[in-house]
Amino acid sequence: MHSSKNFSKALCCGSIDCSVLAPGSVERVEGGYKVNTGWWKGYNPFFVAWDRALPFSPDGHYHICINYDEDGFVPKVRCFIVPPSAV
């Protein structure tokens, strides 16, 4: 995936931080989304609030951009890009 800045109009992350999520890995729950990336054992699932979702997915898939906290150890969601129909 290319930098999500191109289609979200927001500064997110670059291609090394963003990934397309597999079908079935996102569940709509009260207040937002439960996201299971499958890669960060011990930190899954992530919760993303409704107001943090960016409805700018260019391909109809969910995308997540993750970086780390200041110490470089704990992953955190920087951007969560959803299909417009998912908000």
PDB file of N, CA and C in Angstrom:
ATOM      1  N   MET A   1       0.838  -1.164   0.000  1.00  0.00           N
ATOM      2  CA  MET A   1       0.000   0.000   0.000  1.00  0.00           C
ATOM      3  C   MET A   1       0.883   1.226   0.000  1.00  0.00           C
ATOM      4  N   HIS A   2       0.521   2.210  -0.745  1.00  0.00           N
ATOM      5  CA  HIS A   2       1.257   3.461  -0.759  1.00  0.00           C
ATOM      6  C   HIS A   2       0.863   4.276   0.455  1.00  0.00           C
ATOM      7  N   SER A   3       1.580   5.339   0.702  1.00  0.00           N
ATOM      8  CA  SER A   3       1.275   6.185   1.839  1.00  0.00           C
ATOM      9  C   SER A   3      -0.207   6.524   1.863  1.00  0.00           C
ATOM     10  N   SER A   4      -0.814   6.359   3.021  1.00  0.00           N
ATOM     11  CA  SER A   4      -2.241   6.618   3.130  1.00  0.00           C
ATOM     12  C   SER A   4      -2.556   8.105   3.035  1.00  0.00           C
ATOM     13  N   LYS A   5      -1.531   8.943   3.074  1.00  0.00           N
ATOM     14  CA  LYS A   5      -1.771  10.378   2.920  1.00  0.00           C
ATOM     15  C   LYS A   5      -2.389  10.676   1.560  1.00  0.00           C
ATOM     16  N   ASN A   6      -2.077   9.875   0.557  1.00  0.00           N
ATOM     17  CA  ASN A   6      -2.589  10.111  -0.780  1.00  0.00           C
ATOM     18  C   ASN A   6      -4.103  10.080  -0.855  1.00  0.00           C
ATOM     19  N   PHE A   7      -4.752   9.170  -0.149  1.00  0.00           N
ATOM     20  CA  PHE A   7      -6.198   9.068  -0.265  1.00  0.00           C
ATOM     21  C   PHE A   7      -6.950   9.492   0.980  1.00  0.00           C
ATOM     22  N   SER A   8      -6.289   9.618   2.111  1.00  0.00           N
ATOM     23  CA  SER A   8      -7.005  10.035   3.315  1.00  0.00           C
ATOM     24  C   SER A   8      -6.949  11.540   3.519  1.00  0.00           C
ATOM     25  N   LYS A   9      -6.046  12.203   2.830  1.00  0.00           N
ATOM     26  CA  LYS A   9      -5.824  13.642   3.006  1.00  0.00           C
ATOM     27  C   LYS A   9      -5.371  13.969   4.423  1.00  0.00           C
ATOM     28  N   ALA A  10      -4.916  12.965   5.153  1.00  0.00           N
ATOM     29  CA  ALA A  10      -4.400  13.152   6.504  1.00  0.00           C
ATOM     30  C   ALA A  10      -3.021  12.515   6.579  1.00  0.00           C
ATOM     31  N   LEU A  11      -2.189  13.047   7.426  1.00  0.00           N
ATOM     32  CA  LEU A  11      -0.872  12.474   7.607  1.00  0.00           C
ATOM     33  C   LEU A  11      -0.998  11.206   8.441  1.00  0.00           C
ATOM     34  N   CYS A  12      -0.717  10.084   7.843  1.00  0.00           N
ATOM     35  CA  CYS A  12      -0.790   8.819   8.571  1.00  0.00           C
ATOM     36  C   CYS A  12       0.593   8.219   8.648  1.00  0.00           C
ATOM     37  N   CYS A  13       0.835   7.243   7.859  1.00  0.00           N
ATOM     38  CA  CYS A  13       2.091   6.535   7.881  1.00  0.00           C
ATOM     39  C   CYS A  13       2.497   6.206   6.456  1.00  0.00           C
ATOM     40  N   GLY A  14       3.675   5.690   6.318  1.00  0.00           N
ATOM     41  CA  GLY A  14       4.136   5.283   5.003  1.00  0.00           C
ATOM     42  C   GLY A  14       3.827   3.827   4.734  1.00  0.00           C
ATOM     43  N   SER A  15       4.268   3.363   3.589  1.00  0.00           N
ATOM     44  CA  SER A  15       3.938   2.002   3.152  1.00  0.00           C
ATOM     45  C   SER A  15       4.510   0.927   4.062  1.00  0.00           C
ATOM     46  N   ILE A  16       5.567   1.209   4.800  1.00  0.00           N
ATOM     47  CA  ILE A  16       6.110   0.174   5.687  1.00  0.00           C
ATOM     48  C   ILE A  16       5.292   0.044   6.966  1.00  0.00           C
ATOM     49  N   ASP A  17       4.462   1.032   7.278  1.00  0.00           N
ATOM     50  CA  ASP A  17       3.648   0.996   8.486  1.00  0.00           C
ATOM     51  C   ASP A  17       2.213   0.557   8.229  1.00  0.00           C
ATOM     52  N   CYS A  18       1.772   0.562   6.982  1.00  0.00           N
ATOM     53  CA  CYS A  18       0.373   0.294   6.661  1.00  0.00           C
ATOM     54  C   CYS A  18       0.207  -1.058   5.985  1.00  0.00           C
ATOM     55  N   SER A  19      -0.892  -1.705   6.312  1.00  0.00           N
ATOM     56  CA  SER A  19      -1.183  -3.009   5.731  1.00  0.00           C
ATOM     57  C   SER A  19      -2.675  -3.146   5.467  1.00  0.00           C
ATOM     58  N   VAL A  20      -2.995  -3.907   4.451  1.00  0.00           N
ATOM     59  CA  VAL A  20      -4.384  -4.270   4.184  1.00  0.00           C
ATOM     60  C   VAL A  20      -4.729  -5.399   5.141  1.00  0.00           C
ATOM     61  N   LEU A  21      -5.908  -5.316   5.752  1.00  0.00           N
ATOM     62  CA  LEU A  21      -6.331  -6.355   6.679  1.00  0.00           C
ATOM     63  C   LEU A  21      -7.066  -7.474   5.952  1.00  0.00           C
ATOM     64  N   ALA A  22      -6.894  -8.666   6.438  1.00  0.00           N
ATOM     65  CA  ALA A  22      -7.533  -9.838   5.851  1.00  0.00           C
ATOM     66  C   ALA A  22      -9.043  -9.773   6.064  1.00  0.00           C
ATOM     67  N   PRO A  23      -9.814 -10.317   5.130  1.00  0.00           N
ATOM     68  CA  PRO A  23     -11.267 -10.380   5.320  1.00  0.00           C
ATOM     69  C   PRO A  23     -11.597 -11.085   6.638  1.00  0.00           C
ATOM     70  N   GLY A  24     -12.560 -10.541   7.363  1.00  0.00           N
ATOM     71  CA  GLY A  24     -12.972 -11.139   8.628  1.00  0.00           C
ATOM     72  C   GLY A  24     -12.174 -10.679   9.839  1.00  0.00           C
ATOM     73  N   SER A  25     -11.161  -9.839   9.657  1.00  0.00           N
ATOM     74  CA  SER A  25     -10.340  -9.426  10.792  1.00  0.00           C
ATOM     75  C   SER A  25     -10.874  -8.185  11.498  1.00  0.00           C
ATOM     76  N   VAL A  26     -11.920  -7.567  10.935  1.00  0.00           N
ATOM     77  CA  VAL A  26     -12.515  -6.374  11.536  1.00  0.00           C
ATOM     78  C   VAL A  26     -13.955  -6.682  11.929  1.00  0.00           C
ATOM     79  N   GLU A  27     -14.275  -6.365  13.174  1.00  0.00           N
ATOM     80  CA  GLU A  27     -15.635  -6.561  13.669  1.00  0.00           C
ATOM     81  C   GLU A  27     -16.157  -5.227  14.195  1.00  0.00           C
ATOM     82  N   ARG A  28     -17.337  -4.845  13.755  1.00  0.00           N
ATOM     83  CA  ARG A  28     -17.966  -3.629  14.281  1.00  0.00           C
ATOM     84  C   ARG A  28     -18.539  -3.961  15.646  1.00  0.00           C
ATOM     85  N   VAL A  29     -18.150  -3.181  16.641  1.00  0.00           N
ATOM     86  CA  VAL A  29     -18.618  -3.379  18.009  1.00  0.00           C
ATOM     87  C   VAL A  29     -19.132  -2.042  18.538  1.00  0.00           C
ATOM     88  N   GLU A  30     -19.727  -2.069  19.709  1.00  0.00           N
ATOM     89  CA  GLU A  30     -20.242  -0.825  20.277  1.00  0.00           C
ATOM     90  C   GLU A  30     -19.113   0.188  20.422  1.00  0.00           C
ATOM     91  N   GLY A  31     -19.289   1.336  19.817  1.00  0.00           N
ATOM     92  CA  GLY A  31     -18.318   2.416  19.929  1.00  0.00           C
ATOM     93  C   GLY A  31     -17.197   2.409  18.920  1.00  0.00           C
ATOM     94  N   GLY A  32     -17.095   1.355  18.106  1.00  0.00           N
ATOM     95  CA  GLY A  32     -15.998   1.332  17.140  1.00  0.00           C
ATOM     96  C   GLY A  32     -15.784  -0.009  16.482  1.00  0.00           C
ATOM     97  N   TYR A  33     -14.526  -0.345  16.328  1.00  0.00           N
ATOM     98  CA  TYR A  33     -14.121  -1.561  15.620  1.00  0.00           C
ATOM     99  C   TYR A  33     -13.158  -2.361  16.477  1.00  0.00           C
ATOM    100  N   LYS A  34     -13.312  -3.672  16.458  1.00  0.00           N
ATOM    101  CA  LYS A  34     -12.347  -4.588  17.052  1.00  0.00           C
ATOM    102  C   LYS A  34     -11.534  -5.137  15.885  1.00  0.00           C
ATOM    103  N   VAL A  35     -10.225  -4.909  15.930  1.00  0.00           N
ATOM    104  CA  VAL A  35      -9.361  -5.248  14.808  1.00  0.00           C
ATOM    105  C   VAL A  35      -8.317  -6.266  15.247  1.00  0.00           C
ATOM    106  N   ASN A  36      -8.313  -7.419  14.606  1.00  0.00           N
ATOM    107  CA  ASN A  36      -7.327  -8.443  14.882  1.00  0.00           C
ATOM    108  C   ASN A  36      -6.373  -8.500  13.703  1.00  0.00           C
ATOM    109  N   THR A  37      -5.178  -7.973  13.899  1.00  0.00           N
ATOM    110  CA  THR A  37      -4.202  -7.942  12.812  1.00  0.00           C
ATOM    111  C   THR A  37      -3.548  -9.293  12.592  1.00  0.00           C
ATOM    112  N   GLY A  38      -3.473 -10.085  13.650  1.00  0.00           N
ATOM    113  CA  GLY A  38      -2.814 -11.376  13.539  1.00  0.00           C
ATOM    114  C   GLY A  38      -1.305 -11.301  13.675  1.00  0.00           C
ATOM    115  N   TRP A  39      -0.731 -10.091  13.714  1.00  0.00           N
ATOM    116  CA  TRP A  39       0.732 -10.009  13.775  1.00  0.00           C
ATOM    117  C   TRP A  39       1.267  -9.667  15.144  1.00  0.00           C
ATOM    118  N   TRP A  40       0.590  -8.818  15.902  1.00  0.00           N
ATOM    119  CA  TRP A  40       1.132  -8.395  17.189  1.00  0.00           C
ATOM    120  C   TRP A  40       0.538  -9.229  18.303  1.00  0.00           C
ATOM    121  N   LYS A  41       1.156 -10.363  18.543  1.00  0.00           N
ATOM    122  CA  LYS A  41       0.681 -11.258  19.600  1.00  0.00           C
ATOM    123  C   LYS A  41       0.760 -10.524  20.937  1.00  0.00           C
ATOM    124  N   GLY A  42      -0.269 -10.648  21.727  1.00  0.00           N
ATOM    125  CA  GLY A  42      -0.305  -9.990  23.024  1.00  0.00           C
ATOM    126  C   GLY A  42      -0.920  -8.602  22.970  1.00  0.00           C
ATOM    127  N   TYR A  43      -1.027  -8.028  21.778  1.00  0.00           N
ATOM    128  CA  TYR A  43      -1.617  -6.704  21.634  1.00  0.00           C
ATOM    129  C   TYR A  43      -2.888  -6.753  20.792  1.00  0.00           C
ATOM    130  N   ASN A  44      -3.331  -7.936  20.439  1.00  0.00           N
ATOM    131  CA  ASN A  44      -4.554  -8.084  19.659  1.00  0.00           C
ATOM    132  C   ASN A  44      -5.689  -8.463  20.574  1.00  0.00           C
ATOM    133  N   PRO A  45      -6.891  -8.079  20.289  1.00  0.00           N
ATOM    134  CA  PRO A  45      -7.237  -7.187  19.189  1.00  0.00           C
ATOM    135  C   PRO A  45      -7.059  -5.727  19.600  1.00  0.00           C
ATOM    136  N   PHE A  46      -6.896  -4.882  18.603  1.00  0.00           N
ATOM    137  CA  PHE A  46      -6.880  -3.439  18.828  1.00  0.00           C
ATOM    138  C   PHE A  46      -8.325  -2.958  18.812  1.00  0.00           C
ATOM    139  N   PHE A  47      -8.618  -1.908  19.557  1.00  0.00           N
ATOM    140  CA  PHE A  47      -9.916  -1.259  19.487  1.00  0.00           C
ATOM    141  C   PHE A  47      -9.704   0.105  18.850  1.00  0.00           C
ATOM    142  N   VAL A  48     -10.529   0.430  17.856  1.00  0.00           N
ATOM    143  CA  VAL A  48     -10.471   1.735  17.194  1.00  0.00           C
ATOM    144  C   VAL A  48     -11.863   2.354  17.293  1.00  0.00           C
ATOM    145  N   ALA A  49     -11.939   3.523  17.912  1.00  0.00           N
ATOM    146  CA  ALA A  49     -13.223   4.213  18.074  1.00  0.00           C
ATOM    147  C   ALA A  49     -13.747   4.697  16.728  1.00  0.00           C
ATOM    148  N   TRP A  50     -15.085   4.824  16.636  1.00  0.00           N
ATOM    149  CA  TRP A  50     -15.726   5.275  15.391  1.00  0.00           C
ATOM    150  C   TRP A  50     -15.070   6.540  14.855  1.00  0.00           C
ATOM    151  N   ASP A  51     -14.822   7.509  15.734  1.00  0.00           N
ATOM    152  CA  ASP A  51     -14.323   8.802  15.264  1.00  0.00           C
ATOM    153  C   ASP A  51     -12.865   8.790  14.839  1.00  0.00           C
ATOM    154  N   ARG A  52     -12.175   7.669  15.019  1.00  0.00           N
ATOM    155  CA  ARG A  52     -10.791   7.547  14.549  1.00  0.00           C
ATOM    156  C   ARG A  52     -10.697   6.884  13.176  1.00  0.00           C
ATOM    157  N   ALA A  53     -11.806   6.347  12.690  1.00  0.00           N
ATOM    158  CA  ALA A  53     -11.813   5.667  11.393  1.00  0.00           C
ATOM    159  C   ALA A  53     -11.872   6.688  10.266  1.00  0.00           C
ATOM    160  N   LEU A  54     -11.032   6.502   9.273  1.00  0.00           N
ATOM    161  CA  LEU A  54     -11.003   7.386   8.103  1.00  0.00           C
ATOM    162  C   LEU A  54     -11.682   6.684   6.940  1.00  0.00           C
ATOM    163  N   PRO A  55     -12.823   7.191   6.458  1.00  0.00           N
ATOM    164  CA  PRO A  55     -13.583   6.505   5.394  1.00  0.00           C
ATOM    165  C   PRO A  55     -13.054   6.822   3.997  1.00  0.00           C
ATOM    166  N   PHE A  56     -11.789   6.478   3.751  1.00  0.00           N
ATOM    167  CA  PHE A  56     -11.149   6.827   2.487  1.00  0.00           C
ATOM    168  C   PHE A  56     -10.504   5.637   1.783  1.00  0.00           C
ATOM    169  N   SER A  57     -10.929   4.420   2.095  1.00  0.00           N
ATOM    170  CA  SER A  57     -10.299   3.260   1.471  1.00  0.00           C
ATOM    171  C   SER A  57     -10.526   3.291  -0.043  1.00  0.00           C
ATOM    172  N   PRO A  58      -9.446   3.285  -0.821  1.00  0.00           N
ATOM    173  CA  PRO A  58      -9.577   3.367  -2.274  1.00  0.00           C
ATOM    174  C   PRO A  58      -9.968   2.049  -2.929  1.00  0.00           C
ATOM    175  N   ASP A  59      -9.851   0.953  -2.171  1.00  0.00           N
ATOM    176  CA  ASP A  59     -10.076  -0.359  -2.774  1.00  0.00           C
ATOM    177  C   ASP A  59     -11.172  -1.167  -2.092  1.00  0.00           C
ATOM    178  N   GLY A  60     -11.884  -0.555  -1.122  1.00  0.00           N
ATOM    179  CA  GLY A  60     -12.962  -1.254  -0.445  1.00  0.00           C
ATOM    180  C   GLY A  60     -12.522  -2.167   0.688  1.00  0.00           C
ATOM    181  N   HIS A  61     -11.235  -2.172   1.016  1.00  0.00           N
ATOM    182  CA  HIS A  61     -10.709  -3.004   2.095  1.00  0.00           C
ATOM    183  C   HIS A  61     -10.360  -2.140   3.299  1.00  0.00           C
ATOM    184  N   TYR A  62     -10.249  -2.779   4.446  1.00  0.00           N
ATOM    185  CA  TYR A  62      -9.772  -2.106   5.647  1.00  0.00           C
ATOM    186  C   TYR A  62      -8.247  -2.054   5.600  1.00  0.00           C
ATOM    187  N   HIS A  63      -7.674  -0.948   6.052  1.00  0.00           N
ATOM    188  CA  HIS A  63      -6.229  -0.774   6.129  1.00  0.00           C
ATOM    189  C   HIS A  63      -5.900  -0.276   7.532  1.00  0.00           C
ATOM    190  N   ILE A  64      -4.776  -0.730   8.060  1.00  0.00           N
ATOM    191  CA  ILE A  64      -4.348  -0.255   9.370  1.00  0.00           C
ATOM    192  C   ILE A  64      -2.894   0.193   9.275  1.00  0.00           C
ATOM    193  N   CYS A  65      -2.599   1.289   9.943  1.00  0.00           N
ATOM    194  CA  CYS A  65      -1.241   1.818  10.005  1.00  0.00           C
ATOM    195  C   CYS A  65      -0.847   1.822  11.476  1.00  0.00           C
ATOM    196  N   ILE A  66       0.225   1.122  11.780  1.00  0.00           N
ATOM    197  CA  ILE A  66       0.648   0.953  13.165  1.00  0.00           C
ATOM    198  C   ILE A  66       2.076   1.444  13.310  1.00  0.00           C
ATOM    199  N   ASN A  67       2.311   2.178  14.380  1.00  0.00           N
ATOM    200  CA  ASN A  67       3.678   2.508  14.750  1.00  0.00           C
ATOM    201  C   ASN A  67       3.819   2.230  16.239  1.00  0.00           C
ATOM    202  N   TYR A  68       4.909   2.646  16.828  1.00  0.00           N
ATOM    203  CA  TYR A  68       5.197   2.296  18.212  1.00  0.00           C
ATOM    204  C   TYR A  68       5.193   3.511  19.120  1.00  0.00           C
ATOM    205  N   ASP A  69       5.017   3.261  20.413  1.00  0.00           N
ATOM    206  CA  ASP A  69       5.062   4.351  21.385  1.00  0.00           C
ATOM    207  C   ASP A  69       6.474   4.932  21.443  1.00  0.00           C
ATOM    208  N   GLU A  70       6.670   5.904  22.293  1.00  0.00           N
ATOM    209  CA  GLU A  70       7.944   6.609  22.374  1.00  0.00           C
ATOM    210  C   GLU A  70       9.114   5.693  22.713  1.00  0.00           C
ATOM    211  N   ASP A  71       8.847   4.629  23.472  1.00  0.00           N
ATOM    212  CA  ASP A  71       9.909   3.698  23.847  1.00  0.00           C
ATOM    213  C   ASP A  71      10.218   2.696  22.747  1.00  0.00           C
ATOM    214  N   GLY A  72       9.352   2.626  21.741  1.00  0.00           N
ATOM    215  CA  GLY A  72       9.590   1.709  20.633  1.00  0.00           C
ATOM    216  C   GLY A  72       9.163   0.282  20.874  1.00  0.00           C
ATOM    217  N   PHE A  73       8.375   0.034  21.919  1.00  0.00           N
ATOM    218  CA  PHE A  73       8.010  -1.331  22.247  1.00  0.00           C
ATOM    219  C   PHE A  73       6.537  -1.655  22.041  1.00  0.00           C
ATOM    220  N   VAL A  74       5.655  -0.742  22.373  1.00  0.00           N
ATOM    221  CA  VAL A  74       4.223  -1.024  22.345  1.00  0.00           C
ATOM    222  C   VAL A  74       3.620  -0.512  21.030  1.00  0.00           C
ATOM    223  N   PRO A  75       3.036  -1.411  20.232  1.00  0.00           N
ATOM    224  CA  PRO A  75       2.410  -0.966  18.986  1.00  0.00           C
ATOM    225  C   PRO A  75       1.130  -0.185  19.254  1.00  0.00           C
ATOM    226  N   LYS A  76       0.885   0.823  18.426  1.00  0.00           N
ATOM    227  CA  LYS A  76      -0.355   1.593  18.544  1.00  0.00           C
ATOM    228  C   LYS A  76      -0.872   1.923  17.154  1.00  0.00           C
ATOM    229  N   VAL A  77      -2.180   2.036  17.070  1.00  0.00           N
ATOM    230  CA  VAL A  77      -2.820   2.344  15.791  1.00  0.00           C
ATOM    231  C   VAL A  77      -2.659   3.831  15.525  1.00  0.00           C
ATOM    232  N   ARG A  78      -2.038   4.149  14.407  1.00  0.00           N
ATOM    233  CA  ARG A  78      -1.903   5.550  14.008  1.00  0.00           C
ATOM    234  C   ARG A  78      -3.074   5.954  13.124  1.00  0.00           C
ATOM    235  N   CYS A  79      -3.413   5.107  12.158  1.00  0.00           N
ATOM    236  CA  CYS A  79      -4.541   5.358  11.274  1.00  0.00           C
ATOM    237  C   CYS A  79      -5.283   4.067  11.004  1.00  0.00           C
ATOM    238  N   PHE A  80      -6.580   4.193  10.869  1.00  0.00           N
ATOM    239  CA  PHE A  80      -7.414   3.046  10.517  1.00  0.00           C
ATOM    240  C   PHE A  80      -8.310   3.521   9.371  1.00  0.00           C
ATOM    241  N   ILE A  81      -8.120   2.942   8.217  1.00  0.00           N
ATOM    242  CA  ILE A  81      -8.796   3.391   7.004  1.00  0.00           C
ATOM    243  C   ILE A  81      -9.832   2.344   6.617  1.00  0.00           C
ATOM    244  N   VAL A  82     -11.072   2.815   6.465  1.00  0.00           N
ATOM    245  CA  VAL A  82     -12.190   1.905   6.224  1.00  0.00           C
ATOM    246  C   VAL A  82     -12.896   2.262   4.927  1.00  0.00           C
ATOM    247  N   PRO A  83     -13.632   1.304   4.361  1.00  0.00           N
ATOM    248  CA  PRO A  83     -14.488   1.642   3.217  1.00  0.00           C
ATOM    249  C   PRO A  83     -15.551   2.645   3.668  1.00  0.00           C
ATOM    250  N   PRO A  84     -15.939   3.593   2.825  1.00  0.00           N
ATOM    251  CA  PRO A  84     -16.949   4.564   3.220  1.00  0.00           C
ATOM    252  C   PRO A  84     -18.239   3.940   3.735  1.00  0.00           C
ATOM    253  N   SER A  85     -18.588   2.764   3.254  1.00  0.00           N
ATOM    254  CA  SER A  85     -19.812   2.103   3.692  1.00  0.00           C
ATOM    255  C   SER A  85     -19.702   1.537   5.104  1.00  0.00           C
ATOM    256  N   ALA A  86     -18.508   1.539   5.692  1.00  0.00           N
ATOM    257  CA  ALA A  86     -18.297   0.935   7.009  1.00  0.00           C
ATOM    258  C   ALA A  86     -18.448   1.925   8.147  1.00  0.00           C
ATOM    259  N   VAL A  87     -18.673   3.203   7.843  1.00  0.00           N
ATOM    260  CA  VAL A  87     -18.812   4.190   8.933  1.00  0.00           C
ATOM    261  C   VAL A  87     -20.264   4.490   9.204  1.00  0.00           C
TER     262      VAL A  87
END
